[in-house]
Structures are given as structure tokens and as C-alpha cells.
C-alpha atoms as a PDB file:
ATOM      1  CA  MET A   1      15.871   5.750  -4.280  1.00  0.00           C
ATOM      2  CA  THR A   2      18.302   5.204  -6.863  1.00  0.00           C
ATOM      3  CA  GLY A   3      18.606   3.066 -10.096  1.00  0.00           C
ATOM      4  CA  LYS A   4      17.107   3.518 -13.629  1.00  0.00           C
ATOM      5  CA  ILE A   5      13.527   4.186 -14.273  1.00  0.00           C
ATOM      6  CA  ALA A   6      12.048   0.848 -16.075  1.00  0.00           C
ATOM      7  CA  SER A   7       8.701  -0.954 -16.639  1.00  0.00           C
ATOM      8  CA  SER A   8       9.674  -3.967 -14.971  1.00  0.00           C
ATOM      9  CA  THR A   9       6.957  -6.483 -13.913  1.00  0.00           C
ATOM     10  CA  ALA A  10       9.456  -8.334 -11.877  1.00  0.00           C
ATOM     11  CA  ALA A  11      10.487  -5.246 -10.000  1.00  0.00           C
ATOM     12  CA  ALA A  12       6.657  -4.173  -9.442  1.00  0.00           C
ATOM     13  CA  GLN A  13       5.974  -7.697  -8.201  1.00  0.00           C
ATOM     14  CA  ASN A  14       8.898  -7.540  -5.754  1.00  0.00           C
ATOM     15  CA  ALA A  15       7.711  -4.301  -4.383  1.00  0.00           C
ATOM     16  CA  VAL A  16       4.291  -5.524  -3.734  1.00  0.00           C
ATOM     17  CA  THR A  17       5.446  -9.042  -2.416  1.00  0.00           C
ATOM     18  CA  LYS A  18       7.097  -6.928   0.469  1.00  0.00           C
ATOM     19  CA  LEU A  19       3.686  -5.906   1.901  1.00  0.00           C
ATOM     20  CA  THR A  20       2.247  -9.542   1.529  1.00  0.00           C
ATOM     21  CA  GLY A  21       1.412 -11.109   4.895  1.00  0.00           C
ATOM     22  CA  LYS A  22       1.494  -7.729   6.783  1.00  0.00           C
ATOM     23  CA  ASN A  23      -1.265  -7.755   9.072  1.00  0.00           C
ATOM     24  CA  VAL A  24      -2.743  -4.338   9.122  1.00  0.00           C
ATOM     25  CA  ASP A  25      -6.541  -5.194  10.228  1.00  0.00           C
ATOM     26  CA  LEU A  26      -6.931  -3.068  13.185  1.00  0.00           C
ATOM     27  CA  SER A  27     -10.612  -2.826  12.781  1.00  0.00           C
ATOM     28  CA  LYS A  28     -11.467  -4.930  15.837  1.00  0.00           C
ATOM     29  CA  LYS A  29      -8.925  -3.541  17.936  1.00  0.00           C
ATOM     30  CA  ALA A  30     -10.008  -0.990  20.655  1.00  0.00           C
ATOM     31  CA  ILE A  31      -8.158   0.775  23.395  1.00  0.00           C
ATOM     32  CA  SER A  32     -10.045   0.489  26.654  1.00  0.00           C
ATOM     33  CA  PHE A  33      -9.491   1.289  30.282  1.00  0.00           C
ATOM     34  CA  SER A  34     -11.593   1.293  33.332  1.00  0.00           C
ATOM     35  CA  GLY A  35     -12.025   3.210  36.631  1.00  0.00           C
ATOM     36  CA  SER A  36     -11.683   6.901  35.322  1.00  0.00           C
ATOM     37  CA  THR A  37     -14.534   9.148  34.841  1.00  0.00           C
ATOM     38  CA  VAL A  38     -12.516  12.159  34.060  1.00  0.00           C
ATOM     39  CA  SER A  39     -14.018  13.681  30.694  1.00  0.00           C
ATOM     40  CA  SER A  40     -10.621  14.454  29.258  1.00  0.00           C
ATOM     41  CA  MET A  41      -9.484  10.724  29.701  1.00  0.00           C
ATOM     42  CA  THR A  42     -12.848   9.425  28.079  1.00  0.00           C
ATOM     43  CA  ASP A  43     -12.597  11.774  25.339  1.00  0.00           C
ATOM     44  CA  GLY A  44      -8.892  10.909  24.953  1.00  0.00           C
ATOM     45  CA  LEU A  45     -10.272   7.197  24.595  1.00  0.00           C
ATOM     46  CA  THR A  46     -12.871   7.945  21.944  1.00  0.00           C
ATOM     47  CA  ILE A  47     -10.156   9.815  19.837  1.00  0.00           C
ATOM     48  CA  ALA A  48      -7.693   7.018  20.239  1.00  0.00           C
ATOM     49  CA  ASN A  49     -10.373   4.361  19.057  1.00  0.00           C
ATOM     50  CA  GLN A  50     -11.253   6.709  16.090  1.00  0.00           C
ATOM     51  CA  ILE A  51      -7.476   6.898  15.252  1.00  0.00           C
ATOM     52  CA  VAL A  52      -7.205   3.245  15.351  1.00  0.00           C
ATOM     53  CA  GLY A  53     -10.040   2.768  12.773  1.00  0.00           C
ATOM     54  CA  GLU A  54      -8.602   5.220  10.542  1.00  0.00           C
ATOM     55  CA  VAL A  55      -5.109   3.891  10.326  1.00  0.00           C
ATOM     56  CA  SER A  56      -6.587   0.571   9.468  1.00  0.00           C
ATOM     57  CA  SER A  57      -8.614   2.170   6.718  1.00  0.00           C
ATOM     58  CA  LEU A  58      -5.517   3.877   5.357  1.00  0.00           C
ATOM     59  CA  ALA A  59      -3.653   0.722   5.354  1.00  0.00           C
ATOM     60  CA  GLU A  60      -6.295  -1.260   3.359  1.00  0.00           C
ATOM     61  CA  CYS A  61      -6.251   1.805   1.024  1.00  0.00           C
ATOM     62  CA  VAL A  62      -2.486   1.466   0.586  1.00  0.00           C
ATOM     63  CA  TRP A  63      -2.677  -2.204   0.012  1.00  0.00           C
ATOM     64  CA  SER A  64      -5.545  -2.036  -2.780  1.00  0.00           C
ATOM     65  CA  GLN A  65      -3.497   0.508  -4.490  1.00  0.00           C
ATOM     66  CA  ALA A  66      -0.142  -1.578  -4.413  1.00  0.00           C
ATOM     67  CA  GLU A  67      -1.997  -4.669  -5.771  1.00  0.00           C
ATOM     68  CA  LYS A  68      -2.428  -2.541  -8.820  1.00  0.00           C
ATOM     69  CA  PHE A  69       1.211  -2.030  -9.585  1.00  0.00           C
ATOM     70  CA  PRO A  70       2.170  -5.424 -11.166  1.00  0.00           C
ATOM     71  CA  GLN A  71      -0.538  -4.839 -13.902  1.00  0.00           C
ATOM     72  CA  ILE A  72       0.627  -1.141 -14.525  1.00  0.00           C
ATOM     73  CA  ALA A  73       4.027  -2.390 -15.102  1.00  0.00           C
ATOM     74  CA  GLU A  74       2.930  -5.181 -17.463  1.00  0.00           C
ATOM     75  CA  MET A  75       1.052  -2.515 -19.466  1.00  0.00           C
ATOM     76  CA  MET A  76       3.924  -0.372 -19.555  1.00  0.00           C
ATOM     77  CA  GLU A  77       6.500  -3.194 -20.325  1.00  0.00           C
ATOM     78  CA  TYR A  78       4.266  -4.045 -23.199  1.00  0.00           C
ATOM     79  CA  GLN A  79       4.051  -0.534 -24.529  1.00  0.00           C
ATOM     80  CA  ASP A  80       8.011  -0.220 -24.153  1.00  0.00           C
ATOM     81  CA  ARG A  81       8.367  -3.366 -26.224  1.00  0.00           C
ATOM     82  CA  GLN A  82       6.124  -1.978 -29.159  1.00  0.00           C
ATOM     83  CA  ALA A  83       7.895   1.359 -28.991  1.00  0.00           C
ATOM     84  CA  ALA A  84      11.223  -0.231 -29.211  1.00  0.00           C
ATOM     85  CA  HIS A  85      10.337  -2.502 -31.832  1.00  0.00           C
ATOM     86  CA  GLN A  86       8.755   0.384 -33.840  1.00  0.00           C
ATOM     87  CA  MET A  87      12.088   2.182 -33.755  1.00  0.00           C
ATOM     88  CA  GLY A  88      13.915  -0.655 -34.580  1.00  0.00           C
ATOM     89  CA  GLY A  89      15.537  -0.891 -31.186  1.00  0.00           C
ATOM     90  CA  VAL A  90      16.676  -3.903 -29.254  1.00  0.00           C
ATOM     91  CA  VAL A  91      13.914  -5.425 -27.184  1.00  0.00           C
ATOM     92  CA  TYR A  92      15.021  -6.677 -23.814  1.00  0.00           C
END
């Protein structure tokens, strides 16, 4: 990732918008098969279903954190404007 570091509400909102509309709800998804009684296969099925649930939880966590970025950028932008004003700098 290249470019200057800036407290830009537009940049933060743009980054979060890329996540909008992504359907990551896997909580109702399950892996299933029939006809096998081999214990390693049924154990694998159980593990696979646990992984699906964990991935869904992780995706929800990422989304909830991403939603905070525009507010954080807004605060930082405000602080930057105050600092620039106090130093007599140009405020963009």
C-alpha cells in the first residue's frame, strides 16, 4: 500500500463501502453427507461445521470493526484541523 497517510473521512468511508453488501453469514450453512459411518469421516464433518461457524464469527467481527473507521477518521480529521489552525498552517 502506497500513498500519504492522512485522516480522510472520504478515504475511510470508501474503504468501508467496499465491504458493504458482502454476505458473510455462514451461521445457517452446514456441511453434510450421508452413507458413511467411518468415524474419521464423521469427525471431519464435525470439524468442518465448526470451522464454518468460526469463519462466520470472524467475518462479523471484521465488519463490526470496519464500521468504526469513518468515525475514527472524522475525529482525526478534526484534530488535524485544530492542530493546523493552532500552528497557523493552511487547513485543507
